[in-house]
């Protein structure tokens, strides 16, 4: 596929790519934080490592798309690096259910976010390459959410509060990363 110059990538498409890459980057950092605390012997460590590997693959595909289309990453990447790792580590310190509650909350918001983007892209029949990536990744994110719920996310201490705070943070991160 040929490179699309940044000047030819519509702003709204560039924002989608930027925020999606930032989200996939953030997910890799959350899982890195969880695994740093949990190690490879804790309950669900293998599941988390598998999710982390999928997220790294998603990120690599978005990195390549950004490079090909000349889309700049969010300027907040260094912040998301630290914030994602801290969120992952903090939830893992609360226990395996809290780590899974974090995954369930994040993936719930990403599912909604990706679904909104797909609706927008399909309504205009715009950018089939990006739409196909988002659709594929959304299915993976739904699997992550469902696996986290099956692993006991809802048994985490103060689950409704924890989940609500993480989801609110995700919504804010999405809005900020689209622009900055």
Protein backbone atom coordinates (compact mmCIF):
# COMPACT_ATOMS: atom_id res chain seq x y z
CA UNK A 1 0.00 0.00 0.00
CA UNK A 2 1.29 3.47 -0.78
CA UNK A 3 1.99 6.10 1.80
CA UNK A 4 -0.70 8.70 2.26
CA UNK A 5 0.91 12.05 3.06
CA UNK A 6 -0.25 13.68 6.29
CA UNK A 7 -1.71 16.52 4.26
CA UNK A 8 -3.96 13.99 2.51
CA UNK A 9 -5.03 12.16 5.67
CA UNK A 10 -8.22 13.89 6.80
CA UNK A 11 -7.98 15.36 10.28
CA UNK A 12 -10.77 13.21 11.71
CA UNK A 13 -9.09 10.04 10.39
CA UNK A 14 -5.71 11.15 11.77
CA UNK A 15 -7.38 11.70 15.17
CA UNK A 16 -8.84 8.18 15.06
CA UNK A 17 -5.49 6.63 14.25
CA UNK A 18 -3.68 8.73 16.87
CA UNK A 19 -6.08 7.89 19.70
CA UNK A 20 -6.28 4.22 18.78
CA UNK A 21 -2.50 3.86 18.73
CA UNK A 22 -2.32 5.67 22.08
CA UNK A 23 -4.93 3.30 23.51
CA UNK A 24 -3.10 0.21 22.33
CA UNK A 25 0.15 1.64 23.73
CA UNK A 26 -1.58 2.33 27.04
CA UNK A 27 -2.94 -1.22 27.16
CA UNK A 28 0.54 -2.67 26.73
CA UNK A 29 1.74 -0.53 29.62
CA UNK A 30 -1.19 -1.56 31.87
CA UNK A 31 -0.42 -5.22 31.28
CA UNK A 32 3.31 -4.59 31.83
CA UNK A 33 2.49 -3.04 35.21
CA UNK A 34 0.25 -5.94 36.16
CA UNK A 35 2.83 -8.53 35.16
CA UNK A 36 5.61 -6.65 36.99
CA UNK A 37 3.63 -7.07 40.22
CA UNK A 38 2.06 -10.48 39.59
CA UNK A 39 4.98 -12.22 37.94
CA UNK A 40 4.33 -15.36 35.94
CA UNK A 41 2.98 -17.55 38.75
CA UNK A 42 -0.02 -15.55 39.92
CA UNK A 43 -3.55 -16.51 38.96
CA UNK A 44 -4.32 -15.25 35.47
CA UNK A 45 -0.70 -14.28 34.68
CA UNK A 46 -0.71 -16.45 31.56
CA UNK A 47 -4.03 -14.93 30.47
CA UNK A 48 -2.70 -11.41 31.03
CA UNK A 49 0.52 -12.20 29.15
CA UNK A 50 -1.54 -13.45 26.21
CA UNK A 51 -3.64 -10.29 26.22
CA UNK A 52 -0.48 -8.19 26.40
CA UNK A 53 0.89 -9.97 23.36
CA UNK A 54 -2.28 -9.25 21.36
CA UNK A 55 -2.19 -5.58 22.39
CA UNK A 56 1.45 -5.35 21.30
CA UNK A 57 0.40 -6.69 17.90
CA UNK A 58 -2.39 -4.12 17.67
CA UNK A 59 0.04 -1.36 18.57
CA UNK A 60 2.55 -2.50 15.95
CA UNK A 61 -0.13 -2.35 13.27
CA UNK A 62 -1.18 1.15 14.34
CA UNK A 63 2.48 2.25 14.47
CA UNK A 64 2.92 1.06 10.87
CA UNK A 65 -0.29 2.78 9.76
CA UNK A 66 0.81 6.04 11.41
CA UNK A 67 4.19 5.89 9.69
CA UNK A 68 2.66 5.12 6.31
CA UNK A 69 0.12 7.93 6.58
CA UNK A 70 2.29 10.51 8.30
CA UNK A 71 0.09 10.74 11.40
CA UNK A 72 1.84 12.04 14.49
CA UNK A 73 1.49 10.19 17.80
CA UNK A 74 -0.02 11.86 20.81
CA UNK A 75 2.35 14.20 22.59
CA UNK A 76 1.18 12.58 25.81
CA UNK A 77 2.80 9.21 25.07
CA UNK A 78 5.39 9.63 27.89
CA UNK A 79 2.55 10.34 30.32
CA UNK A 80 0.47 7.37 29.12
CA UNK A 81 3.59 5.21 29.49
CA UNK A 82 3.85 5.99 33.20
CA UNK A 83 0.11 6.25 33.89
CA UNK A 84 -0.65 2.94 32.19
CA UNK A 85 2.10 1.11 34.05
CA UNK A 86 1.01 2.66 37.37
CA UNK A 87 -2.63 1.69 36.79
CA UNK A 88 -1.65 -1.87 35.98
CA UNK A 89 0.68 -2.18 38.97
CA UNK A 90 -1.80 -0.57 41.38
CA UNK A 91 -4.67 -2.83 40.38
CA UNK A 92 -2.44 -5.92 40.53
CA UNK A 93 -1.36 -4.91 44.05
CA UNK A 94 -5.04 -5.01 45.02
CA UNK A 95 -5.19 -8.62 43.85
CA UNK A 96 -5.94 -10.74 40.80
CA UNK A 97 -9.63 -9.80 40.72
CA UNK A 98 -8.76 -6.09 40.75
CA UNK A 99 -6.30 -6.62 37.88
CA UNK A 100 -9.09 -8.30 35.95
CA UNK A 101 -11.52 -5.53 36.95
CA UNK A 102 -9.10 -3.07 35.35
CA UNK A 103 -9.06 -5.11 32.15
CA UNK A 104 -12.86 -5.41 32.10
CA UNK A 105 -13.30 -1.66 32.62
CA UNK A 106 -10.72 -0.61 30.03
CA UNK A 107 -11.97 -3.07 27.43
CA UNK A 108 -15.59 -2.03 27.99
CA UNK A 109 -14.67 1.55 27.12
CA UNK A 110 -12.51 0.50 24.17
CA UNK A 111 -15.37 -1.62 22.82
CA UNK A 112 -17.67 1.42 22.97
CA UNK A 113 -15.00 3.67 21.46
CA UNK A 114 -14.21 1.30 18.60
CA UNK A 115 -17.93 0.75 17.94
CA UNK A 116 -18.50 4.50 17.64
CA UNK A 117 -15.58 4.80 15.24
CA UNK A 118 -16.87 1.91 13.13
CA UNK A 119 -20.33 3.47 12.97
CA UNK A 120 -18.77 6.71 11.77
CA UNK A 121 -16.56 5.01 9.17
CA UNK A 122 -19.34 2.74 7.89
CA UNK A 123 -21.82 5.63 7.61
CA UNK A 124 -19.50 7.37 5.18
CA UNK A 125 -17.94 4.22 3.66
CA UNK A 126 -14.64 5.91 4.44
CA UNK A 127 -11.26 4.28 5.02
CA UNK A 128 -11.98 0.55 4.71
CA UNK A 129 -8.44 -0.31 5.83
CA UNK A 130 -8.86 1.48 9.14
CA UNK A 131 -12.38 0.10 9.59
CA UNK A 132 -11.13 -3.47 9.10
CA UNK A 133 -8.36 -2.96 11.67
CA UNK A 134 -10.76 -1.49 14.20
CA UNK A 135 -13.29 -4.25 13.69
CA UNK A 136 -10.64 -6.96 14.15
CA UNK A 137 -9.17 -5.32 17.24
CA UNK A 138 -12.62 -4.65 18.75
CA UNK A 139 -13.31 -8.38 18.70
CA UNK A 140 -10.04 -9.04 20.53
CA UNK A 141 -10.91 -6.38 23.12
CA UNK A 142 -14.33 -7.96 23.66
CA UNK A 143 -12.62 -11.31 24.25
CA UNK A 144 -10.32 -9.67 26.80
CA UNK A 145 -13.28 -8.11 28.62
CA UNK A 146 -15.18 -11.40 28.67
CA UNK A 147 -12.11 -13.32 29.90
CA UNK A 148 -11.60 -10.76 32.68
CA UNK A 149 -15.22 -11.07 33.78
CA UNK A 150 -14.99 -14.87 33.70
CA UNK A 151 -11.83 -14.66 35.85
CA UNK A 152 -13.66 -12.81 38.62
CA UNK A 153 -13.34 -9.11 37.82
CA UNK A 154 -16.67 -8.39 39.50
CA UNK A 155 -15.38 -9.92 42.77
CA UNK A 156 -12.73 -7.19 43.08
CA UNK A 157 -12.94 -4.99 46.18
CA UNK A 158 -15.33 -2.09 45.54
CA UNK A 159 -15.78 -3.28 41.95
CA UNK A 160 -18.42 -0.69 40.94
CA UNK A 161 -16.27 2.19 42.18
CA UNK A 162 -13.02 0.78 40.78
CA UNK A 163 -14.60 0.03 37.42
CA UNK A 164 -16.33 3.40 37.25
CA UNK A 165 -13.14 5.32 38.00
CA UNK A 166 -11.12 3.38 35.44
CA UNK A 167 -13.81 3.82 32.79
CA UNK A 168 -13.96 7.56 33.50
CA UNK A 169 -10.18 7.76 33.16
CA UNK A 170 -10.36 5.92 29.84
CA UNK A 171 -12.99 8.31 28.50
CA UNK A 172 -10.82 11.27 29.47
CA UNK A 173 -7.71 9.68 27.95
CA UNK A 174 -9.55 9.08 24.69
CA UNK A 175 -10.72 12.68 24.40
CA UNK A 176 -7.32 14.12 25.29
CA UNK A 177 -5.31 11.81 23.02
CA UNK A 178 -7.42 12.64 19.98
CA UNK A 179 -6.17 16.20 20.05
CA UNK A 180 -2.87 16.43 21.92
